[in-house]
Amino acid sequence: MNIRQALLEEHSRQQTLRIAGYIGDDPERFEALMSIFFGDEPRLIQRSAWTLSYVIRKHPTLITPYLAQTIDLLGRPGLPTAVPRNILRILQDITVPITLQGHLMDYCFRAVSDPSTPIAVKAFSLTVLHNLSFTYPEILPELETVIHERLPYETAAFRSRARKILAAKPPAARS
């Protein structure tokens, strides 16, 4: 299968799953997907991001060599909103190396605080920040402040995720 061609042929869940199934846990096929994902064609980047999220759910270690470049994409202007949404969907379920956590944390705090950020990006950012609070309990006060500031203005999805995070045990009590 030509991954690029398959991404261009059709944009559907079925096609996304077909491509993800083809890639499986094959590092060479995954590399082909990542070269498209890091490319400069917004439509292909968007479609590859969706496929990427399905591949990583089943084979999370494939992303490891690409994590720094993937997290750097979060700050790239002009990307379709599907790209940060799918990146953060992936990052909420994996352990991010310490060297990349600061940049990720900064992005997530900005995303949650910005009223124009799409709700899914905010929700995934909340989860990423909550996960990072296990390593950095000192971010909890800032996270709680941002949540309380945004709560009255956000959707039910944000409020639900935020309440779960606020109700969770603080890091000191997690052991």
N, C-alpha and C. Protein backbone atom coordinates (compact mmCIF):
# COMPACT_ATOMS: atom_id res chain seq x y z
N MET A 1 0.85 -1.18 0.00
CA MET A 1 0.00 0.00 0.00
C MET A 1 0.89 1.24 0.00
N ASN A 2 0.51 2.20 -0.81
CA ASN A 2 1.15 3.50 -0.80
C ASN A 2 0.38 4.36 0.21
N ILE A 3 0.99 4.64 1.35
CA ILE A 3 0.29 5.33 2.44
C ILE A 3 -0.16 6.71 2.01
N ARG A 4 0.69 7.43 1.33
CA ARG A 4 0.33 8.78 0.88
C ARG A 4 -0.89 8.73 -0.02
N GLN A 5 -0.87 7.83 -0.97
CA GLN A 5 -1.99 7.70 -1.91
C GLN A 5 -3.27 7.28 -1.18
N ALA A 6 -3.13 6.37 -0.24
CA ALA A 6 -4.30 5.91 0.53
C ALA A 6 -4.90 7.05 1.35
N LEU A 7 -4.06 7.91 1.90
CA LEU A 7 -4.55 9.07 2.66
C LEU A 7 -5.29 10.05 1.75
N LEU A 8 -4.83 10.19 0.52
CA LEU A 8 -5.47 11.10 -0.42
C LEU A 8 -6.77 10.53 -0.99
N GLU A 9 -6.84 9.22 -1.13
CA GLU A 9 -8.00 8.57 -1.76
C GLU A 9 -9.30 8.86 -1.03
N GLU A 10 -9.25 8.73 0.28
CA GLU A 10 -10.50 8.80 1.04
C GLU A 10 -10.19 9.25 2.46
N HIS A 11 -11.08 10.08 2.99
CA HIS A 11 -10.94 10.53 4.38
C HIS A 11 -12.14 10.01 5.16
N SER A 12 -11.97 8.83 5.72
CA SER A 12 -13.05 8.21 6.50
C SER A 12 -12.43 7.39 7.61
N ARG A 13 -13.24 7.06 8.58
CA ARG A 13 -12.76 6.22 9.68
C ARG A 13 -12.32 4.86 9.14
N GLN A 14 -13.10 4.31 8.23
CA GLN A 14 -12.78 3.00 7.66
C GLN A 14 -11.42 3.03 6.96
N GLN A 15 -11.17 4.06 6.18
CA GLN A 15 -9.88 4.17 5.48
C GLN A 15 -8.75 4.38 6.48
N THR A 16 -9.00 5.19 7.48
CA THR A 16 -7.99 5.44 8.52
C THR A 16 -7.61 4.14 9.21
N LEU A 17 -8.61 3.34 9.56
CA LEU A 17 -8.35 2.05 10.20
C LEU A 17 -7.64 1.08 9.26
N ARG A 18 -7.97 1.14 7.99
CA ARG A 18 -7.31 0.28 7.00
C ARG A 18 -5.82 0.62 6.92
N ILE A 19 -5.52 1.90 6.85
CA ILE A 19 -4.11 2.33 6.78
C ILE A 19 -3.39 1.98 8.08
N ALA A 20 -4.03 2.23 9.22
CA ALA A 20 -3.42 1.90 10.51
C ALA A 20 -3.15 0.40 10.61
N GLY A 21 -4.09 -0.41 10.13
CA GLY A 21 -3.89 -1.87 10.13
C GLY A 21 -2.73 -2.28 9.25
N TYR A 22 -2.59 -1.63 8.11
CA TYR A 22 -1.47 -1.92 7.21
C TYR A 22 -0.14 -1.58 7.89
N ILE A 23 -0.09 -0.46 8.57
CA ILE A 23 1.15 -0.04 9.24
C ILE A 23 1.48 -0.98 10.39
N GLY A 24 0.45 -1.30 11.19
CA GLY A 24 0.66 -2.23 12.31
C GLY A 24 1.83 -1.80 13.18
N ASP A 25 2.70 -2.75 13.47
CA ASP A 25 3.88 -2.45 14.30
C ASP A 25 5.16 -2.41 13.47
N ASP A 26 5.02 -2.21 12.17
CA ASP A 26 6.16 -2.18 11.25
C ASP A 26 6.84 -0.81 11.30
N PRO A 27 8.08 -0.74 11.81
CA PRO A 27 8.77 0.56 11.93
C PRO A 27 8.99 1.27 10.59
N GLU A 28 9.21 0.52 9.51
CA GLU A 28 9.44 1.15 8.21
C GLU A 28 8.16 1.79 7.68
N ARG A 29 7.05 1.09 7.83
CA ARG A 29 5.77 1.66 7.40
C ARG A 29 5.40 2.86 8.27
N PHE A 30 5.70 2.73 9.55
CA PHE A 30 5.43 3.84 10.46
C PHE A 30 6.28 5.05 10.09
N GLU A 31 7.52 4.82 9.72
CA GLU A 31 8.40 5.91 9.29
C GLU A 31 7.81 6.62 8.06
N ALA A 32 7.23 5.84 7.15
CA ALA A 32 6.59 6.44 5.97
C ALA A 32 5.43 7.34 6.38
N LEU A 33 4.64 6.89 7.35
CA LEU A 33 3.54 7.71 7.86
C LEU A 33 4.08 8.99 8.50
N MET A 34 5.13 8.85 9.29
CA MET A 34 5.68 10.01 9.99
C MET A 34 6.28 11.03 9.02
N SER A 35 6.85 10.58 7.93
CA SER A 35 7.40 11.53 6.96
C SER A 35 6.27 12.35 6.33
N ILE A 36 5.10 11.75 6.17
CA ILE A 36 3.93 12.49 5.68
C ILE A 36 3.45 13.45 6.77
N PHE A 37 3.39 12.95 7.99
CA PHE A 37 2.92 13.73 9.13
C PHE A 37 3.79 14.97 9.36
N PHE A 38 5.08 14.85 9.15
CA PHE A 38 5.99 15.98 9.34
C PHE A 38 6.18 16.80 8.06
N GLY A 39 5.40 16.49 7.05
CA GLY A 39 5.51 17.18 5.77
C GLY A 39 4.92 18.58 5.79
N ASP A 40 4.65 19.09 4.59
CA ASP A 40 4.16 20.47 4.50
C ASP A 40 2.81 20.59 3.80
N GLU A 41 2.11 19.47 3.65
CA GLU A 41 0.79 19.50 3.03
C GLU A 41 -0.28 19.37 4.11
N PRO A 42 -0.95 20.47 4.46
CA PRO A 42 -1.89 20.45 5.58
C PRO A 42 -2.93 19.34 5.52
N ARG A 43 -3.48 19.07 4.36
CA ARG A 43 -4.50 18.02 4.25
C ARG A 43 -3.92 16.65 4.59
N LEU A 44 -2.73 16.38 4.11
CA LEU A 44 -2.09 15.09 4.40
C LEU A 44 -1.63 15.01 5.85
N ILE A 45 -1.17 16.12 6.39
CA ILE A 45 -0.77 16.14 7.81
C ILE A 45 -1.99 15.81 8.67
N GLN A 46 -3.12 16.44 8.36
CA GLN A 46 -4.35 16.21 9.12
C GLN A 46 -4.78 14.74 9.04
N ARG A 47 -4.80 14.19 7.86
CA ARG A 47 -5.24 12.80 7.70
C ARG A 47 -4.26 11.82 8.32
N SER A 48 -2.99 12.11 8.21
CA SER A 48 -2.00 11.21 8.81
C SER A 48 -2.06 11.28 10.34
N ALA A 49 -2.45 12.43 10.89
CA ALA A 49 -2.56 12.56 12.35
C ALA A 49 -3.61 11.61 12.90
N TRP A 50 -4.72 11.47 12.20
CA TRP A 50 -5.78 10.58 12.64
C TRP A 50 -5.29 9.13 12.60
N THR A 51 -4.63 8.77 11.51
CA THR A 51 -4.07 7.42 11.39
C THR A 51 -3.04 7.19 12.48
N LEU A 52 -2.19 8.17 12.71
CA LEU A 52 -1.16 8.08 13.74
C LEU A 52 -1.77 7.74 15.10
N SER A 53 -2.87 8.39 15.44
CA SER A 53 -3.47 8.15 16.76
C SER A 53 -3.95 6.70 16.89
N TYR A 54 -4.46 6.12 15.82
CA TYR A 54 -4.89 4.72 15.87
C TYR A 54 -3.70 3.76 15.96
N VAL A 55 -2.65 4.04 15.22
CA VAL A 55 -1.46 3.18 15.27
C VAL A 55 -0.87 3.19 16.67
N ILE A 56 -0.74 4.36 17.28
CA ILE A 56 -0.09 4.49 18.58
C ILE A 56 -0.92 3.86 19.69
N ARG A 57 -2.22 3.84 19.55
CA ARG A 57 -3.05 3.16 20.57
C ARG A 57 -2.65 1.70 20.70
N LYS A 58 -2.35 1.07 19.57
CA LYS A 58 -1.99 -0.35 19.60
C LYS A 58 -0.49 -0.58 19.76
N HIS A 59 0.31 0.36 19.29
CA HIS A 59 1.77 0.18 19.29
C HIS A 59 2.45 1.47 19.78
N PRO A 60 2.30 1.78 21.07
CA PRO A 60 2.77 3.07 21.59
C PRO A 60 4.28 3.30 21.48
N THR A 61 5.07 2.26 21.45
CA THR A 61 6.52 2.46 21.41
C THR A 61 7.01 2.97 20.05
N LEU A 62 6.19 2.84 19.02
CA LEU A 62 6.62 3.32 17.70
C LEU A 62 6.87 4.83 17.69
N ILE A 63 6.19 5.57 18.53
CA ILE A 63 6.31 7.03 18.53
C ILE A 63 7.59 7.53 19.19
N THR A 64 8.22 6.70 19.99
CA THR A 64 9.36 7.13 20.80
C THR A 64 10.42 7.91 20.02
N PRO A 65 10.92 7.43 18.89
CA PRO A 65 11.97 8.20 18.20
C PRO A 65 11.47 9.51 17.59
N TYR A 66 10.16 9.69 17.54
CA TYR A 66 9.58 10.86 16.89
C TYR A 66 8.94 11.83 17.89
N LEU A 67 9.05 11.55 19.17
CA LEU A 67 8.35 12.34 20.18
C LEU A 67 8.75 13.82 20.17
N ALA A 68 10.03 14.11 20.12
CA ALA A 68 10.47 15.51 20.16
C ALA A 68 9.90 16.28 18.97
N GLN A 69 10.01 15.72 17.81
CA GLN A 69 9.51 16.38 16.60
C GLN A 69 7.98 16.50 16.65
N THR A 70 7.32 15.49 17.21
CA THR A 70 5.86 15.51 17.32
C THR A 70 5.42 16.62 18.27
N ILE A 71 6.06 16.72 19.41
CA ILE A 71 5.71 17.76 20.38
C ILE A 71 6.02 19.15 19.82
N ASP A 72 7.10 19.26 19.05
CA ASP A 72 7.42 20.54 18.41
C ASP A 72 6.32 21.00 17.45
N LEU A 73 5.63 20.04 16.84
CA LEU A 73 4.54 20.38 15.92
C LEU A 73 3.42 21.14 16.61
N LEU A 74 3.26 20.92 17.91
CA LEU A 74 2.18 21.59 18.64
C LEU A 74 2.26 23.11 18.52
N GLY A 75 3.44 23.64 18.40
CA GLY A 75 3.60 25.09 18.30
C GLY A 75 3.58 25.63 16.88
N ARG A 76 3.43 24.76 15.91
CA ARG A 76 3.49 25.18 14.51
C ARG A 76 2.19 25.89 14.11
N PRO A 77 2.28 27.14 13.68
CA PRO A 77 1.06 27.87 13.31
C PRO A 77 0.45 27.35 12.00
N GLY A 78 -0.85 27.49 11.90
CA GLY A 78 -1.54 27.16 10.66
C GLY A 78 -1.91 25.71 10.46
N LEU A 79 -1.65 24.88 11.44
CA LEU A 79 -2.02 23.47 11.29
C LEU A 79 -3.51 23.28 11.52
N PRO A 80 -4.12 22.32 10.83
CA PRO A 80 -5.52 22.01 11.12
C PRO A 80 -5.66 21.58 12.58
N THR A 81 -6.78 21.89 13.21
CA THR A 81 -6.97 21.57 14.63
C THR A 81 -6.92 20.07 14.91
N ALA A 82 -7.13 19.26 13.88
CA ALA A 82 -7.05 17.81 14.07
C ALA A 82 -5.64 17.38 14.47
N VAL A 83 -4.65 18.15 14.09
CA VAL A 83 -3.26 17.76 14.37
C VAL A 83 -2.95 17.85 15.87
N PRO A 84 -3.12 19.02 16.51
CA PRO A 84 -2.86 19.03 17.96
C PRO A 84 -3.81 18.12 18.72
N ARG A 85 -5.05 18.02 18.26
CA ARG A 85 -6.00 17.14 18.93
C ARG A 85 -5.48 15.70 18.96
N ASN A 86 -5.03 15.20 17.82
CA ASN A 86 -4.54 13.83 17.76
C ASN A 86 -3.20 13.65 18.45
N ILE A 87 -2.34 14.66 18.40
CA ILE A 87 -1.07 14.57 19.13
C ILE A 87 -1.34 14.46 20.62
N LEU A 88 -2.20 15.32 21.13
CA LEU A 88 -2.50 15.31 22.57
C LEU A 88 -3.25 14.06 22.98
N ARG A 89 -4.09 13.54 22.09
CA ARG A 89 -4.77 12.27 22.37
C ARG A 89 -3.73 11.17 22.61
N ILE A 90 -2.68 11.18 21.82
CA ILE A 90 -1.60 10.21 21.97
C ILE A 90 -0.84 10.46 23.27
N LEU A 91 -0.48 11.72 23.51
CA LEU A 91 0.38 12.06 24.64
C LEU A 91 -0.29 11.86 25.99
N GLN A 92 -1.62 11.83 26.02
CA GLN A 92 -2.29 11.62 27.31
C GLN A 92 -2.15 10.17 27.78
N ASP A 93 -1.74 9.28 26.89
CA ASP A 93 -1.65 7.86 27.23
C ASP A 93 -0.24 7.30 27.27
N ILE A 94 0.76 8.14 27.04
CA ILE A 94 2.13 7.63 27.05
C ILE A 94 2.98 8.44 28.04
N THR A 95 4.13 7.89 28.38
CA THR A 95 5.07 8.59 29.25
C THR A 95 5.98 9.43 28.37
N VAL A 96 5.99 10.72 28.62
CA VAL A 96 6.80 11.65 27.84
C VAL A 96 8.14 11.83 28.56
N PRO A 97 9.27 11.72 27.84
CA PRO A 97 10.57 11.91 28.48
C PRO A 97 10.68 13.28 29.16
N ILE A 98 11.41 13.32 30.24
CA ILE A 98 11.56 14.54 31.04
C ILE A 98 12.04 15.71 30.20
N THR A 99 12.93 15.46 29.25
CA THR A 99 13.49 16.54 28.44
C THR A 99 12.44 17.23 27.58
N LEU A 100 11.30 16.60 27.36
CA LEU A 100 10.25 17.16 26.51
C LEU A 100 9.07 17.69 27.31
N GLN A 101 9.06 17.43 28.60
CA GLN A 101 7.89 17.76 29.41
C GLN A 101 7.67 19.25 29.58
N GLY A 102 8.71 20.04 29.68
CA GLY A 102 8.56 21.48 29.88
C GLY A 102 7.84 22.14 28.71
N HIS A 103 8.27 21.83 27.51
CA HIS A 103 7.65 22.39 26.30
C HIS A 103 6.19 21.95 26.21
N LEU A 104 5.95 20.68 26.49
CA LEU A 104 4.60 20.14 26.45
C LEU A 104 3.71 20.81 27.49
N MET A 105 4.23 20.96 28.69
CA MET A 105 3.48 21.58 29.78
C MET A 105 3.10 23.02 29.40
N ASP A 106 4.05 23.75 28.86
CA ASP A 106 3.80 25.14 28.45
C ASP A 106 2.69 25.19 27.40
N TYR A 107 2.78 24.34 26.40
CA TYR A 107 1.76 24.31 25.35
C TYR A 107 0.38 24.02 25.95
N CYS A 108 0.31 23.02 26.81
CA CYS A 108 -0.98 22.61 27.38
C CYS A 108 -1.59 23.71 28.24
N PHE A 109 -0.79 24.39 29.04
CA PHE A 109 -1.32 25.49 29.84
C PHE A 109 -1.85 26.61 28.94
N ARG A 110 -1.12 26.92 27.88
CA ARG A 110 -1.59 27.96 26.96
C ARG A 110 -2.88 27.53 26.26
N ALA A 111 -2.96 26.25 25.87
CA ALA A 111 -4.15 25.75 25.19
C ALA A 111 -5.38 25.81 26.09
N VAL A 112 -5.23 25.39 27.33
CA VAL A 112 -6.35 25.39 28.27
C VAL A 112 -6.80 26.82 28.57
N SER A 113 -5.87 27.75 28.64
CA SER A 113 -6.18 29.14 28.99
C SER A 113 -6.78 29.94 27.84
N ASP A 114 -6.54 29.53 26.62
CA ASP A 114 -6.96 30.29 25.45
C ASP A 114 -8.42 29.98 25.09
N PRO A 115 -9.30 30.98 25.14
CA PRO A 115 -10.71 30.72 24.83
C PRO A 115 -10.94 30.20 23.41
N SER A 116 -10.02 30.48 22.49
CA SER A 116 -10.23 30.05 21.10
C SER A 116 -9.75 28.63 20.82
N THR A 117 -9.12 27.98 21.79
CA THR A 117 -8.65 26.61 21.59
C THR A 117 -9.85 25.67 21.48
N PRO A 118 -9.87 24.78 20.48
CA PRO A 118 -10.97 23.82 20.37
C PRO A 118 -11.09 22.95 21.63
N ILE A 119 -12.31 22.58 21.96
CA ILE A 119 -12.58 21.89 23.21
C ILE A 119 -11.82 20.57 23.35
N ALA A 120 -11.70 19.79 22.29
CA ALA A 120 -10.98 18.51 22.40
C ALA A 120 -9.52 18.74 22.75
N VAL A 121 -8.92 19.77 22.18
CA VAL A 121 -7.52 20.09 22.48
C VAL A 121 -7.41 20.49 23.96
N LYS A 122 -8.37 21.26 24.45
CA LYS A 122 -8.36 21.64 25.87
C LYS A 122 -8.51 20.42 26.76
N ALA A 123 -9.45 19.54 26.42
CA ALA A 123 -9.70 18.36 27.25
C ALA A 123 -8.47 17.46 27.31
N PHE A 124 -7.86 17.21 26.17
CA PHE A 124 -6.66 16.37 26.16
C PHE A 124 -5.51 17.08 26.88
N SER A 125 -5.43 18.40 26.75
CA SER A 125 -4.40 19.16 27.46
C SER A 125 -4.57 19.05 28.97
N LEU A 126 -5.82 19.09 29.43
CA LEU A 126 -6.08 18.91 30.87
C LEU A 126 -5.55 17.57 31.35
N THR A 127 -5.81 16.52 30.58
CA THR A 127 -5.36 15.19 30.98
C THR A 127 -3.84 15.11 30.97
N VAL A 128 -3.21 15.68 29.95
CA VAL A 128 -1.74 15.68 29.89
C VAL A 128 -1.18 16.41 31.11
N LEU A 129 -1.74 17.56 31.44
CA LEU A 129 -1.26 18.32 32.61
C LEU A 129 -1.50 17.55 33.90
N HIS A 130 -2.64 16.92 34.00
CA HIS A 130 -2.91 16.11 35.19
C HIS A 130 -1.88 14.99 35.32
N ASN A 131 -1.58 14.33 34.21
CA ASN A 131 -0.56 13.26 34.23
C ASN A 131 0.81 13.82 34.62
N LEU A 132 1.15 14.99 34.11
CA LEU A 132 2.43 15.61 34.45
C LEU A 132 2.49 16.02 35.92
N SER A 133 1.34 16.25 36.52
CA SER A 133 1.33 16.65 37.94
C SER A 133 1.79 15.52 38.86
N PHE A 134 1.80 14.30 38.36
CA PHE A 134 2.34 13.20 39.16
C PHE A 134 3.85 13.37 39.32
N THR A 135 4.49 13.91 38.28
CA THR A 135 5.93 14.17 38.32
C THR A 135 6.22 15.54 38.90
N TYR A 136 5.35 16.49 38.61
CA TYR A 136 5.55 17.88 39.05
C TYR A 136 4.34 18.34 39.86
N PRO A 137 4.24 17.91 41.12
CA PRO A 137 3.07 18.30 41.92
C PRO A 137 2.95 19.82 42.10
N GLU A 138 4.04 20.52 41.89
CA GLU A 138 4.01 21.98 42.05
C GLU A 138 3.16 22.67 40.98
N ILE A 139 2.78 21.97 39.91
CA ILE A 139 1.93 22.60 38.89
C ILE A 139 0.44 22.53 39.25
N LEU A 140 0.10 21.74 40.26
CA LEU A 140 -1.31 21.59 40.62
C LEU A 140 -2.01 22.91 40.96
N PRO A 141 -1.41 23.79 41.75
CA PRO A 141 -2.11 25.06 42.02
C PRO A 141 -2.41 25.86 40.75
N GLU A 142 -1.44 25.89 39.83
CA GLU A 142 -1.67 26.61 38.57
C GLU A 142 -2.75 25.93 37.75
N LEU A 143 -2.72 24.60 37.71
CA LEU A 143 -3.73 23.85 36.97
C LEU A 143 -5.12 24.11 37.55
N GLU A 144 -5.22 24.06 38.86
CA GLU A 144 -6.51 24.32 39.51
C GLU A 144 -6.99 25.74 39.25
N THR A 145 -6.08 26.70 39.27
CA THR A 145 -6.44 28.09 39.00
C THR A 145 -6.98 28.25 37.59
N VAL A 146 -6.27 27.69 36.63
CA VAL A 146 -6.70 27.78 35.23
C VAL A 146 -8.06 27.11 35.05
N ILE A 147 -8.25 25.95 35.66
CA ILE A 147 -9.53 25.26 35.55
C ILE A 147 -10.65 26.14 36.12
N HIS A 148 -10.44 26.66 37.32
CA HIS A 148 -11.48 27.49 37.95
C HIS A 148 -11.77 28.77 37.14
N GLU A 149 -10.73 29.33 36.52
CA GLU A 149 -10.93 30.53 35.70
C GLU A 149 -11.75 30.22 34.45
N ARG A 150 -11.52 29.06 33.84
CA ARG A 150 -12.17 28.71 32.58
C ARG A 150 -13.53 28.04 32.77
N LEU A 151 -13.75 27.40 33.89
CA LEU A 151 -14.95 26.59 34.13
C LEU A 151 -16.27 27.26 33.74
N PRO A 152 -16.51 28.51 34.12
CA PRO A 152 -17.81 29.12 33.79
C PRO A 152 -18.04 29.33 32.29
N TYR A 153 -16.97 29.32 31.51
CA TYR A 153 -17.07 29.66 30.09
C TYR A 153 -16.97 28.46 29.17
N GLU A 154 -16.76 27.29 29.72
CA GLU A 154 -16.46 26.12 28.90
C GLU A 154 -17.66 25.20 28.72
N THR A 155 -17.47 24.24 27.83
CA THR A 155 -18.52 23.28 27.50
C THR A 155 -18.64 22.21 28.57
N ALA A 156 -19.67 21.40 28.43
CA ALA A 156 -19.89 20.30 29.38
C ALA A 156 -18.71 19.32 29.35
N ALA A 157 -18.13 19.09 28.18
CA ALA A 157 -17.00 18.15 28.08
C ALA A 157 -15.81 18.65 28.90
N PHE A 158 -15.52 19.93 28.78
CA PHE A 158 -14.42 20.51 29.56
C PHE A 158 -14.73 20.41 31.05
N ARG A 159 -15.94 20.82 31.42
CA ARG A 159 -16.31 20.81 32.84
C ARG A 159 -16.24 19.41 33.43
N SER A 160 -16.67 18.42 32.68
CA SER A 160 -16.62 17.04 33.16
C SER A 160 -15.18 16.59 33.41
N ARG A 161 -14.33 16.83 32.44
CA ARG A 161 -12.92 16.45 32.57
C ARG A 161 -12.27 17.23 33.71
N ALA A 162 -12.56 18.51 33.79
CA ALA A 162 -11.97 19.36 34.84
C ALA A 162 -12.40 18.90 36.23
N ARG A 163 -13.66 18.56 36.38
CA ARG A 163 -14.14 18.12 37.70
C ARG A 163 -13.47 16.81 38.13
N LYS A 164 -13.27 15.92 37.19
CA LYS A 164 -12.58 14.65 37.51
C LYS A 164 -11.15 14.93 37.98
N ILE A 165 -10.50 15.86 37.33
CA ILE A 165 -9.13 16.20 37.71
C ILE A 165 -9.11 16.87 39.09
N LEU A 166 -10.04 17.78 39.31
CA LEU A 166 -10.10 18.46 40.61
C LEU A 166 -10.43 17.49 41.75
N ALA A 167 -11.20 16.45 41.45
CA ALA A 167 -11.59 15.48 42.48
C ALA A 167 -10.52 14.44 42.74
N ALA A 168 -9.53 14.34 41.85
CA ALA A 168 -8.47 13.34 42.01
C ALA A 168 -7.62 13.67 43.22
N LYS A 169 -7.00 12.63 43.76
CA LYS A 169 -6.12 12.82 44.91
C LYS A 169 -4.93 13.68 44.53
N PRO A 170 -4.47 14.54 45.43
CA PRO A 170 -3.25 15.30 45.14
C PRO A 170 -2.05 14.36 45.08
N PRO A 171 -0.99 14.74 44.35
CA PRO A 171 0.18 13.87 44.19
C PRO A 171 0.73 13.32 45.50
N ALA A 172 0.75 14.11 46.56
CA ALA A 172 1.30 13.64 47.83
C ALA A 172 0.51 12.47 48.39
N ALA A 173 -0.77 12.40 48.06
CA ALA A 173 -1.63 11.33 48.59
C ALA A 173 -1.77 10.16 47.62
N ARG A 174 -1.06 10.20 46.50
CA ARG A 174 -1.23 9.19 45.46
C ARG A 174 -0.47 7.90 45.72
N SER A 175 0.49 7.88 46.60
CA SER A 175 1.31 6.69 46.77
C SER A 175 0.58 5.55 47.41
